[in-house]
Amino acid sequence: MTMKEGEEETEFVTPGEVLGKFSDMKPGKGAYVANNTVYASLSGFRRIISPPTDSSDSRPTVEVTGHKAHGAVPAPGSIVIARVTKVMPRMASADIMCVGPKSVKEKFSGVIRQQDVRATEIDKVDMHLSFRPGDIVKALVLSLGDARAYHLSTAKNELGVVSAESTAGAVMVPISWTEMQCPLTGQIQQRKVAKVGGS
């Protein structure tokens, strides 16, 4: 479904759909970067917004504007996309950005406890080798914990870090279940990586 709206082209996209290359455009609302590709994080209409004339970055911004006005609310059993904000020895804190295909309108916090990081060798989990602040993770909501922080789990193969930035500022590429590599420096960092493309 494609239609013209002024000069911008608007087409309907669904979560995980490729919006374009990160080198050509920046992610706006409803979009995220993984492996130098911009993806939709919710269902809605793809919009390209021209950069401001005074911007040093000449790339346009691509955003997905949801066709549903109300914001999503996490619930047990939901799959969420969250940004890690803090990593501690026994847990990591994260801000929930999307619930399934829908972005959230208000702030929801989540915590990933040490026992919920992976399914095997739970007692050997090192939180600092699983996540870092700024990582984008795909997680399952286990329950509403205390103080409005949802308990999240990344214990399934398809859950975990989906996008991470290296110290050099590049989007890192997953090279194994537990490692991501910076394409600029070749530096390898440990992560609890989400399986890409699998079920």
N, C-alpha and C. Protein backbone atom coordinates (compact mmCIF):
# COMPACT_ATOMS: atom_id res chain seq x y z
N MET A 1 0.85 -1.17 0.00
CA MET A 1 0.00 0.00 0.00
C MET A 1 0.89 1.23 0.00
N THR A 2 0.90 1.94 -1.09
CA THR A 2 1.74 3.13 -1.22
C THR A 2 0.87 4.29 -1.65
N MET A 3 1.10 5.43 -1.02
CA MET A 3 0.34 6.60 -1.43
C MET A 3 1.21 7.83 -1.31
N LYS A 4 0.88 8.82 -2.11
CA LYS A 4 1.64 10.06 -2.08
C LYS A 4 0.99 11.01 -1.08
N GLU A 5 1.84 11.65 -0.30
CA GLU A 5 1.34 12.61 0.67
C GLU A 5 2.24 13.82 0.53
N GLY A 6 1.80 14.82 -0.23
CA GLY A 6 2.70 15.92 -0.54
C GLY A 6 3.83 15.36 -1.37
N GLU A 7 5.06 15.54 -0.89
CA GLU A 7 6.20 15.03 -1.64
C GLU A 7 6.76 13.75 -1.02
N GLU A 8 6.23 13.36 0.13
CA GLU A 8 6.79 12.18 0.77
C GLU A 8 5.98 10.95 0.40
N GLU A 9 6.70 9.84 0.31
CA GLU A 9 6.02 8.60 -0.01
C GLU A 9 5.71 7.89 1.31
N THR A 10 4.50 7.44 1.45
CA THR A 10 4.10 6.79 2.69
C THR A 10 3.67 5.37 2.37
N GLU A 11 4.35 4.41 2.96
CA GLU A 11 3.93 3.03 2.75
C GLU A 11 3.79 2.34 4.10
N PHE A 12 2.93 1.36 4.15
CA PHE A 12 2.67 0.67 5.41
C PHE A 12 3.74 -0.38 5.64
N VAL A 13 4.33 -0.36 6.84
CA VAL A 13 5.39 -1.32 7.17
C VAL A 13 5.05 -2.02 8.48
N THR A 14 5.69 -3.16 8.70
CA THR A 14 5.47 -3.94 9.92
C THR A 14 6.81 -4.12 10.63
N PRO A 15 6.80 -4.47 11.93
CA PRO A 15 8.05 -4.59 12.69
C PRO A 15 9.04 -5.54 12.04
N GLY A 16 10.31 -5.11 12.04
CA GLY A 16 11.36 -5.94 11.46
C GLY A 16 11.56 -5.70 9.98
N GLU A 17 10.67 -4.92 9.37
CA GLU A 17 10.82 -4.65 7.94
C GLU A 17 11.96 -3.65 7.74
N VAL A 18 12.74 -3.86 6.68
CA VAL A 18 13.88 -2.98 6.40
C VAL A 18 13.36 -1.65 5.84
N LEU A 19 13.82 -0.56 6.46
CA LEU A 19 13.43 0.78 6.00
C LEU A 19 14.50 1.39 5.10
N GLY A 20 15.73 0.95 5.27
CA GLY A 20 16.81 1.49 4.45
C GLY A 20 18.16 1.24 5.10
N LYS A 21 19.22 1.80 4.51
CA LYS A 21 20.57 1.64 5.05
C LYS A 21 20.87 2.79 6.02
N PHE A 22 21.60 2.46 7.10
CA PHE A 22 21.96 3.46 8.09
C PHE A 22 22.84 4.55 7.47
N SER A 23 23.60 4.19 6.43
CA SER A 23 24.46 5.18 5.77
C SER A 23 23.64 6.22 4.99
N ASP A 24 22.40 5.84 4.64
CA ASP A 24 21.55 6.73 3.85
C ASP A 24 20.54 7.50 4.68
N MET A 25 20.20 6.99 5.85
CA MET A 25 19.15 7.62 6.65
C MET A 25 19.32 7.34 8.12
N LYS A 26 18.74 8.21 8.93
CA LYS A 26 18.80 8.04 10.39
C LYS A 26 17.46 7.51 10.88
N PRO A 27 17.47 6.65 11.93
CA PRO A 27 16.21 6.16 12.48
C PRO A 27 15.53 7.23 13.34
N GLY A 28 14.26 7.43 13.13
CA GLY A 28 13.47 8.32 13.97
C GLY A 28 12.52 7.50 14.81
N LYS A 29 11.35 8.05 15.09
CA LYS A 29 10.35 7.33 15.89
C LYS A 29 9.97 6.03 15.20
N GLY A 30 9.86 4.96 15.98
CA GLY A 30 9.40 3.69 15.42
C GLY A 30 10.42 2.97 14.56
N ALA A 31 11.71 3.36 14.68
CA ALA A 31 12.75 2.72 13.87
C ALA A 31 13.98 2.48 14.74
N TYR A 32 14.79 1.47 14.38
CA TYR A 32 16.03 1.20 15.11
C TYR A 32 17.06 0.66 14.13
N VAL A 33 18.32 0.70 14.55
CA VAL A 33 19.43 0.25 13.69
C VAL A 33 19.99 -1.07 14.20
N ALA A 34 20.21 -2.00 13.29
CA ALA A 34 20.93 -3.24 13.59
C ALA A 34 21.71 -3.63 12.34
N ASN A 35 22.98 -3.96 12.53
CA ASN A 35 23.85 -4.36 11.40
C ASN A 35 23.82 -3.33 10.27
N ASN A 36 23.91 -2.04 10.64
CA ASN A 36 23.95 -0.94 9.67
C ASN A 36 22.72 -0.86 8.77
N THR A 37 21.62 -1.46 9.23
CA THR A 37 20.36 -1.40 8.50
C THR A 37 19.31 -0.81 9.43
N VAL A 38 18.44 0.04 8.88
CA VAL A 38 17.38 0.64 9.68
C VAL A 38 16.12 -0.22 9.54
N TYR A 39 15.55 -0.63 10.66
CA TYR A 39 14.35 -1.48 10.67
C TYR A 39 13.19 -0.75 11.34
N ALA A 40 11.99 -1.17 10.99
CA ALA A 40 10.80 -0.67 11.67
C ALA A 40 10.62 -1.41 12.98
N SER A 41 10.27 -0.69 14.05
CA SER A 41 10.03 -1.35 15.34
C SER A 41 8.54 -1.41 15.66
N LEU A 42 7.72 -0.85 14.79
CA LEU A 42 6.28 -0.96 15.00
C LEU A 42 5.55 -0.94 13.66
N SER A 43 4.29 -1.28 13.68
CA SER A 43 3.48 -1.21 12.46
C SER A 43 3.02 0.23 12.25
N GLY A 44 3.05 0.67 11.03
CA GLY A 44 2.59 2.03 10.75
C GLY A 44 3.06 2.46 9.37
N PHE A 45 3.07 3.77 9.17
CA PHE A 45 3.43 4.30 7.87
C PHE A 45 4.86 4.84 7.88
N ARG A 46 5.61 4.45 6.84
CA ARG A 46 7.01 4.88 6.70
C ARG A 46 7.02 6.30 6.19
N ARG A 47 7.74 7.18 6.88
CA ARG A 47 7.84 8.56 6.45
C ARG A 47 9.30 8.98 6.41
N ILE A 48 9.65 9.72 5.39
CA ILE A 48 11.00 10.26 5.28
C ILE A 48 10.93 11.76 5.59
N ILE A 49 11.75 12.20 6.53
CA ILE A 49 11.76 13.61 6.91
C ILE A 49 13.10 14.20 6.50
N SER A 50 13.05 15.26 5.71
CA SER A 50 14.28 15.90 5.25
C SER A 50 15.04 16.49 6.42
N PRO A 51 16.38 16.48 6.34
CA PRO A 51 17.16 17.05 7.45
C PRO A 51 16.98 18.56 7.51
N PRO A 52 17.10 19.15 8.70
CA PRO A 52 17.01 20.61 8.79
C PRO A 52 18.13 21.25 7.99
N THR A 53 17.88 22.42 7.44
CA THR A 53 18.88 23.07 6.57
C THR A 53 20.17 23.36 7.32
N ASP A 54 20.09 23.57 8.64
CA ASP A 54 21.31 23.88 9.40
C ASP A 54 21.97 22.63 9.99
N SER A 55 21.48 21.45 9.61
CA SER A 55 22.03 20.22 10.18
C SER A 55 23.33 19.85 9.47
N SER A 56 24.32 19.40 10.28
CA SER A 56 25.59 18.96 9.68
C SER A 56 25.45 17.57 9.07
N ASP A 57 24.42 16.85 9.51
CA ASP A 57 24.16 15.50 9.00
C ASP A 57 23.14 15.63 7.86
N SER A 58 23.57 15.28 6.65
CA SER A 58 22.70 15.48 5.49
C SER A 58 21.71 14.35 5.27
N ARG A 59 21.78 13.30 6.15
CA ARG A 59 20.87 12.18 5.96
C ARG A 59 19.46 12.55 6.40
N PRO A 60 18.46 12.13 5.64
CA PRO A 60 17.09 12.33 6.11
C PRO A 60 16.79 11.36 7.25
N THR A 61 15.74 11.63 7.99
CA THR A 61 15.30 10.74 9.08
C THR A 61 14.12 9.93 8.58
N VAL A 62 14.15 8.62 8.86
CA VAL A 62 13.00 7.78 8.52
C VAL A 62 12.29 7.44 9.82
N GLU A 63 10.97 7.57 9.82
CA GLU A 63 10.22 7.20 11.01
C GLU A 63 8.98 6.41 10.61
N VAL A 64 8.47 5.68 11.58
CA VAL A 64 7.23 4.92 11.36
C VAL A 64 6.20 5.52 12.30
N THR A 65 5.16 6.07 11.74
CA THR A 65 4.11 6.64 12.57
C THR A 65 3.01 5.62 12.71
N GLY A 66 2.75 5.24 13.93
CA GLY A 66 1.79 4.18 14.19
C GLY A 66 0.39 4.55 13.76
N HIS A 67 -0.32 3.57 13.24
CA HIS A 67 -1.70 3.82 12.82
C HIS A 67 -2.64 3.65 14.00
N LYS A 68 -2.08 3.23 15.15
CA LYS A 68 -2.89 3.15 16.37
C LYS A 68 -2.43 4.27 17.28
N ALA A 69 -3.34 5.05 17.74
CA ALA A 69 -2.99 6.26 18.49
C ALA A 69 -2.53 5.95 19.91
N HIS A 70 -3.13 4.95 20.55
CA HIS A 70 -2.80 4.71 21.95
C HIS A 70 -1.48 3.96 22.08
N GLY A 71 -0.78 4.24 23.14
CA GLY A 71 0.50 3.59 23.37
C GLY A 71 0.30 2.18 23.92
N ALA A 72 1.31 1.37 23.70
CA ALA A 72 1.24 -0.01 24.17
C ALA A 72 1.65 -0.10 25.63
N VAL A 73 1.16 -1.11 26.31
CA VAL A 73 1.50 -1.35 27.70
C VAL A 73 2.06 -2.77 27.82
N PRO A 74 3.23 -2.93 28.43
CA PRO A 74 3.78 -4.28 28.57
C PRO A 74 2.89 -5.17 29.43
N ALA A 75 2.83 -6.44 29.10
CA ALA A 75 2.07 -7.41 29.87
C ALA A 75 2.87 -8.71 29.91
N PRO A 76 2.70 -9.53 30.94
CA PRO A 76 3.40 -10.82 30.98
C PRO A 76 3.16 -11.60 29.69
N GLY A 77 4.26 -12.11 29.11
CA GLY A 77 4.14 -12.83 27.84
C GLY A 77 4.44 -11.96 26.64
N SER A 78 4.49 -10.63 26.82
CA SER A 78 4.81 -9.73 25.70
C SER A 78 6.29 -9.82 25.36
N ILE A 79 6.58 -9.65 24.07
CA ILE A 79 7.98 -9.49 23.64
C ILE A 79 8.21 -7.99 23.51
N VAL A 80 9.27 -7.50 24.15
CA VAL A 80 9.53 -6.06 24.13
C VAL A 80 10.93 -5.77 23.58
N ILE A 81 11.08 -4.54 23.07
CA ILE A 81 12.39 -4.02 22.70
C ILE A 81 12.73 -2.98 23.76
N ALA A 82 13.90 -3.11 24.37
CA ALA A 82 14.27 -2.19 25.45
C ALA A 82 15.72 -1.75 25.30
N ARG A 83 16.02 -0.56 25.85
CA ARG A 83 17.39 -0.04 25.83
C ARG A 83 17.97 -0.17 27.23
N VAL A 84 19.12 -0.84 27.32
CA VAL A 84 19.76 -1.03 28.61
C VAL A 84 20.29 0.31 29.12
N THR A 85 19.97 0.64 30.39
CA THR A 85 20.40 1.92 30.96
C THR A 85 21.50 1.75 32.00
N LYS A 86 21.50 0.62 32.70
CA LYS A 86 22.46 0.42 33.79
C LYS A 86 22.70 -1.07 33.96
N VAL A 87 23.95 -1.45 34.19
CA VAL A 87 24.29 -2.86 34.41
C VAL A 87 24.94 -3.00 35.79
N MET A 88 24.38 -3.88 36.61
CA MET A 88 24.90 -4.13 37.95
C MET A 88 25.29 -5.61 38.06
N PRO A 89 25.96 -6.00 39.14
CA PRO A 89 26.43 -7.39 39.23
C PRO A 89 25.33 -8.44 39.11
N ARG A 90 24.12 -8.15 39.64
CA ARG A 90 23.07 -9.17 39.63
C ARG A 90 21.90 -8.86 38.71
N MET A 91 21.88 -7.67 38.10
CA MET A 91 20.77 -7.34 37.22
C MET A 91 21.12 -6.17 36.32
N ALA A 92 20.32 -6.00 35.27
CA ALA A 92 20.47 -4.86 34.38
C ALA A 92 19.13 -4.14 34.30
N SER A 93 19.18 -2.81 34.26
CA SER A 93 17.97 -2.01 34.11
C SER A 93 17.82 -1.61 32.65
N ALA A 94 16.57 -1.46 32.21
CA ALA A 94 16.33 -1.08 30.82
C ALA A 94 15.05 -0.26 30.72
N ASP A 95 15.00 0.60 29.72
CA ASP A 95 13.78 1.35 29.40
C ASP A 95 13.10 0.64 28.25
N ILE A 96 11.83 0.28 28.44
CA ILE A 96 11.07 -0.42 27.40
C ILE A 96 10.64 0.59 26.34
N MET A 97 10.97 0.31 25.07
CA MET A 97 10.65 1.23 23.97
C MET A 97 9.46 0.76 23.15
N CYS A 98 9.37 -0.55 22.96
CA CYS A 98 8.29 -1.11 22.14
C CYS A 98 7.74 -2.36 22.81
N VAL A 99 6.45 -2.57 22.66
CA VAL A 99 5.82 -3.82 23.08
C VAL A 99 5.29 -4.47 21.82
N GLY A 100 5.91 -5.59 21.42
CA GLY A 100 5.53 -6.20 20.14
C GLY A 100 5.76 -5.16 19.04
N PRO A 101 4.75 -4.92 18.22
CA PRO A 101 4.92 -3.97 17.12
C PRO A 101 4.66 -2.52 17.50
N LYS A 102 4.25 -2.27 18.73
CA LYS A 102 3.82 -0.92 19.08
C LYS A 102 4.80 -0.22 20.01
N SER A 103 5.06 1.06 19.74
CA SER A 103 5.93 1.82 20.63
C SER A 103 5.13 2.26 21.85
N VAL A 104 5.85 2.46 22.95
CA VAL A 104 5.17 2.91 24.17
C VAL A 104 5.15 4.43 24.20
N LYS A 105 4.10 4.97 24.79
CA LYS A 105 3.97 6.43 24.87
C LYS A 105 4.46 6.95 26.22
N GLU A 106 4.42 6.10 27.23
CA GLU A 106 4.92 6.53 28.54
C GLU A 106 6.11 5.68 28.92
N LYS A 107 6.79 6.08 29.99
CA LYS A 107 8.02 5.38 30.36
C LYS A 107 7.71 4.12 31.17
N PHE A 108 8.25 3.00 30.70
CA PHE A 108 8.17 1.74 31.46
C PHE A 108 9.59 1.25 31.68
N SER A 109 9.89 0.88 32.90
CA SER A 109 11.22 0.37 33.22
C SER A 109 11.16 -1.15 33.32
N GLY A 110 12.29 -1.77 33.01
CA GLY A 110 12.37 -3.21 33.13
C GLY A 110 13.68 -3.59 33.79
N VAL A 111 13.72 -4.77 34.40
CA VAL A 111 14.98 -5.29 34.94
C VAL A 111 15.17 -6.71 34.43
N ILE A 112 16.41 -7.01 34.06
CA ILE A 112 16.77 -8.37 33.66
C ILE A 112 17.65 -8.89 34.79
N ARG A 113 17.12 -9.87 35.55
CA ARG A 113 17.89 -10.42 36.66
C ARG A 113 18.87 -11.47 36.16
N GLN A 114 19.90 -11.69 36.94
CA GLN A 114 20.96 -12.63 36.56
C GLN A 114 20.39 -13.99 36.15
N GLN A 115 19.38 -14.47 36.87
CA GLN A 115 18.84 -15.81 36.58
C GLN A 115 17.97 -15.83 35.33
N ASP A 116 17.67 -14.65 34.76
CA ASP A 116 16.80 -14.59 33.58
C ASP A 116 17.55 -14.24 32.30
N VAL A 117 18.89 -14.21 32.36
CA VAL A 117 19.67 -13.82 31.18
C VAL A 117 19.68 -14.92 30.14
N ARG A 118 19.94 -16.16 30.58
CA ARG A 118 20.00 -17.27 29.62
C ARG A 118 19.47 -18.54 30.27
N ALA A 119 19.28 -19.55 29.44
CA ALA A 119 18.62 -20.77 29.91
C ALA A 119 19.59 -21.76 30.55
N THR A 120 20.88 -21.68 30.19
CA THR A 120 21.84 -22.67 30.69
C THR A 120 22.93 -21.97 31.51
N GLU A 121 23.59 -22.73 32.37
CA GLU A 121 24.70 -22.23 33.20
C GLU A 121 24.35 -20.89 33.85
N ILE A 122 23.15 -20.85 34.44
CA ILE A 122 22.64 -19.61 35.01
C ILE A 122 23.58 -19.05 36.07
N ASP A 123 24.19 -19.93 36.85
CA ASP A 123 25.05 -19.46 37.95
C ASP A 123 26.36 -18.86 37.46
N LYS A 124 26.69 -19.07 36.16
CA LYS A 124 27.94 -18.53 35.62
C LYS A 124 27.73 -17.22 34.87
N VAL A 125 26.52 -16.71 34.86
CA VAL A 125 26.23 -15.49 34.10
C VAL A 125 26.97 -14.29 34.70
N ASP A 126 27.71 -13.58 33.87
CA ASP A 126 28.33 -12.32 34.28
C ASP A 126 27.55 -11.20 33.59
N MET A 127 26.85 -10.39 34.37
CA MET A 127 25.99 -9.36 33.78
C MET A 127 26.78 -8.39 32.89
N HIS A 128 28.00 -8.08 33.30
CA HIS A 128 28.80 -7.11 32.54
C HIS A 128 29.32 -7.70 31.23
N LEU A 129 29.27 -9.02 31.09
CA LEU A 129 29.65 -9.66 29.82
C LEU A 129 28.41 -10.02 29.01
N SER A 130 27.24 -9.66 29.51
CA SER A 130 25.99 -9.97 28.81
C SER A 130 25.38 -8.73 28.17
N PHE A 131 25.46 -7.61 28.90
CA PHE A 131 24.85 -6.37 28.42
C PHE A 131 25.75 -5.20 28.76
N ARG A 132 25.57 -4.10 27.99
CA ARG A 132 26.21 -2.84 28.34
C ARG A 132 25.18 -1.73 28.16
N PRO A 133 25.32 -0.63 28.90
CA PRO A 133 24.37 0.48 28.73
C PRO A 133 24.32 0.93 27.27
N GLY A 134 23.11 1.19 26.79
CA GLY A 134 22.93 1.59 25.39
C GLY A 134 22.56 0.45 24.47
N ASP A 135 22.77 -0.79 24.92
CA ASP A 135 22.39 -1.95 24.10
C ASP A 135 20.89 -1.97 23.88
N ILE A 136 20.48 -2.38 22.69
CA ILE A 136 19.06 -2.62 22.41
C ILE A 136 18.81 -4.11 22.54
N VAL A 137 17.90 -4.49 23.43
CA VAL A 137 17.64 -5.90 23.67
C VAL A 137 16.19 -6.27 23.35
N LYS A 138 16.04 -7.50 22.93
CA LYS A 138 14.70 -8.08 22.72
C LYS A 138 14.48 -9.02 23.91
N ALA A 139 13.37 -8.81 24.62
CA ALA A 139 13.17 -9.59 25.85
C ALA A 139 11.71 -9.96 26.02
N LEU A 140 11.49 -10.96 26.87
CA LEU A 140 10.14 -11.41 27.20
C LEU A 140 9.76 -10.86 28.56
N VAL A 141 8.54 -10.32 28.66
CA VAL A 141 8.06 -9.83 29.96
C VAL A 141 7.60 -11.03 30.80
N LEU A 142 8.23 -11.21 31.96
CA LEU A 142 7.86 -12.31 32.85
C LEU A 142 6.71 -11.88 33.76
N SER A 143 6.87 -10.72 34.38
CA SER A 143 5.86 -10.26 35.33
C SER A 143 6.07 -8.79 35.63
N LEU A 144 5.07 -8.18 36.24
CA LEU A 144 5.23 -6.81 36.72
C LEU A 144 5.88 -6.92 38.09
N GLY A 145 7.12 -6.46 38.17
CA GLY A 145 7.83 -6.55 39.44
C GLY A 145 7.43 -5.42 40.37
N ASP A 146 8.35 -5.05 41.23
CA ASP A 146 8.05 -3.97 42.17
C ASP A 146 8.43 -2.62 41.56
N ALA A 147 7.90 -1.57 42.12
CA ALA A 147 8.21 -0.19 41.71
C ALA A 147 8.04 0.02 40.21
N ARG A 148 7.05 -0.59 39.65
CA ARG A 148 6.71 -0.45 38.23
C ARG A 148 7.85 -0.86 37.29
N ALA A 149 8.75 -1.69 37.75
CA ALA A 149 9.78 -2.22 36.87
C ALA A 149 9.39 -3.65 36.49
N TYR A 150 9.25 -3.88 35.21
CA TYR A 150 8.86 -5.20 34.73
C TYR A 150 10.05 -6.14 34.78
N HIS A 151 9.80 -7.40 35.16
CA HIS A 151 10.86 -8.40 35.11
C HIS A 151 10.94 -8.94 33.69
N LEU A 152 12.11 -8.84 33.10
CA LEU A 152 12.31 -9.25 31.71
C LEU A 152 13.25 -10.46 31.66
N SER A 153 13.09 -11.26 30.61
CA SER A 153 13.94 -12.43 30.42
C SER A 153 14.52 -12.43 29.00
N THR A 154 15.80 -12.81 28.89
CA THR A 154 16.42 -13.00 27.57
C THR A 154 16.88 -14.44 27.43
N ALA A 155 16.21 -15.36 28.15
CA ALA A 155 16.70 -16.74 28.25
C ALA A 155 16.44 -17.60 27.01
N LYS A 156 15.66 -17.13 26.05
CA LYS A 156 15.47 -17.91 24.82
C LYS A 156 16.51 -17.50 23.79
N ASN A 157 16.76 -18.41 22.83
CA ASN A 157 17.80 -18.15 21.82
C ASN A 157 17.55 -16.87 21.04
N GLU A 158 16.26 -16.60 20.72
CA GLU A 158 15.97 -15.44 19.88
C GLU A 158 15.92 -14.13 20.66
N LEU A 159 16.13 -14.22 21.97
CA LEU A 159 16.11 -13.03 22.82
C LEU A 159 17.53 -12.64 23.22
N GLY A 160 17.71 -11.37 23.51
CA GLY A 160 19.03 -10.88 23.89
C GLY A 160 19.34 -9.59 23.17
N VAL A 161 20.63 -9.29 23.05
CA VAL A 161 21.04 -8.04 22.41
C VAL A 161 20.83 -8.12 20.90
N VAL A 162 20.08 -7.17 20.36
CA VAL A 162 19.86 -7.14 18.90
C VAL A 162 20.68 -6.03 18.25
N SER A 163 21.08 -5.04 19.03
CA SER A 163 21.88 -3.95 18.46
C SER A 163 22.75 -3.37 19.57
N ALA A 164 24.02 -3.16 19.27
CA ALA A 164 24.95 -2.61 20.25
C ALA A 164 25.97 -1.74 19.54
N GLU A 165 26.41 -0.71 20.24
CA GLU A 165 27.39 0.20 19.66
C GLU A 165 28.74 -0.06 20.32
N SER A 166 29.78 -0.06 19.51
CA SER A 166 31.13 -0.28 20.06
C SER A 166 31.68 1.02 20.62
N THR A 167 32.84 0.93 21.28
CA THR A 167 33.46 2.13 21.84
C THR A 167 33.87 3.09 20.72
N ALA A 168 34.04 2.57 19.51
CA ALA A 168 34.40 3.43 18.37
C ALA A 168 33.15 4.09 17.76
N GLY A 169 31.97 3.76 18.30
CA GLY A 169 30.75 4.40 17.80
C GLY A 169 30.10 3.68 16.63
N ALA A 170 30.58 2.48 16.31
CA ALA A 170 30.01 1.74 15.19
C ALA A 170 28.99 0.73 15.71
N VAL A 171 28.04 0.37 14.84
CA VAL A 171 27.08 -0.67 15.20
C VAL A 171 27.78 -2.01 15.04
N MET A 172 27.81 -2.78 16.13
CA MET A 172 28.57 -4.03 16.11
C MET A 172 27.80 -5.16 15.43
N VAL A 173 28.57 -6.10 14.92
CA VAL A 173 28.02 -7.24 14.19
C VAL A 173 28.11 -8.48 15.08
N PRO A 174 27.00 -9.24 15.24
CA PRO A 174 27.10 -10.47 16.04
C PRO A 174 27.91 -11.52 15.30
N ILE A 175 28.86 -12.14 16.01
CA ILE A 175 29.66 -13.19 15.36
C ILE A 175 29.45 -14.55 16.02
N SER A 176 28.81 -14.56 17.18
CA SER A 176 28.47 -15.83 17.83
C SER A 176 27.36 -15.54 18.84
N TRP A 177 26.97 -16.59 19.58
CA TRP A 177 25.94 -16.43 20.61
C TRP A 177 26.37 -15.47 21.70
N THR A 178 27.70 -15.37 21.88
CA THR A 178 28.19 -14.61 23.04
C THR A 178 29.10 -13.45 22.67
N GLU A 179 29.29 -13.20 21.37
CA GLU A 179 30.24 -12.15 20.99
C GLU A 179 29.70 -11.27 19.87
N MET A 180 30.09 -9.98 19.95
CA MET A 180 29.81 -9.04 18.87
C MET A 180 31.13 -8.34 18.55
N GLN A 181 31.27 -7.97 17.26
CA GLN A 181 32.54 -7.39 16.82
C GLN A 181 32.31 -6.01 16.22
N CYS A 182 33.25 -5.09 16.51
CA CYS A 182 33.20 -3.76 15.91
C CYS A 182 33.75 -3.84 14.50
N PRO A 183 32.96 -3.40 13.48
CA PRO A 183 33.45 -3.50 12.09
C PRO A 183 34.60 -2.54 11.81
N LEU A 184 34.76 -1.51 12.62
CA LEU A 184 35.84 -0.54 12.38
C LEU A 184 37.16 -1.01 12.96
N THR A 185 37.14 -1.44 14.22
CA THR A 185 38.39 -1.78 14.90
C THR A 185 38.65 -3.28 15.00
N GLY A 186 37.61 -4.08 14.75
CA GLY A 186 37.76 -5.52 14.89
C GLY A 186 37.68 -5.98 16.34
N GLN A 187 37.49 -5.02 17.26
CA GLN A 187 37.40 -5.35 18.69
C GLN A 187 36.19 -6.24 18.94
N ILE A 188 36.40 -7.27 19.75
CA ILE A 188 35.31 -8.20 20.07
C ILE A 188 34.86 -7.96 21.51
N GLN A 189 33.56 -7.85 21.70
CA GLN A 189 33.01 -7.68 23.04
C GLN A 189 32.02 -8.80 23.33
N GLN A 190 31.96 -9.18 24.59
CA GLN A 190 31.03 -10.24 25.00
C GLN A 190 29.62 -9.67 25.16
N ARG A 191 28.62 -10.45 24.74
CA ARG A 191 27.22 -10.08 24.88
C ARG A 191 26.37 -11.34 24.95
N LYS A 192 25.16 -11.20 25.47
CA LYS A 192 24.17 -12.27 25.31
C LYS A 192 23.41 -11.92 24.04
N VAL A 193 23.85 -12.51 22.92
CA VAL A 193 23.36 -12.11 21.60
C VAL A 193 22.05 -12.82 21.25
N ALA A 194 21.13 -12.07 20.66
CA ALA A 194 19.88 -12.69 20.17
C ALA A 194 20.17 -13.39 18.86
N LYS A 195 19.59 -14.57 18.69
CA LYS A 195 19.74 -15.30 17.43
C LYS A 195 18.98 -14.54 16.36
N VAL A 196 19.64 -14.22 15.27
CA VAL A 196 19.02 -13.43 14.21
C VAL A 196 18.37 -14.34 13.18
N GLY A 197 17.14 -14.02 12.81
CA GLY A 197 16.50 -14.72 11.71
C GLY A 197 15.94 -16.09 12.04
N GLY A 198 16.31 -16.64 13.20
CA GLY A 198 15.78 -17.97 13.55
C GLY A 198 14.46 -17.85 14.26
N SER A 199 13.82 -18.99 14.51
CA SER A 199 12.55 -18.94 15.22
C SER A 199 12.79 -19.03 16.71
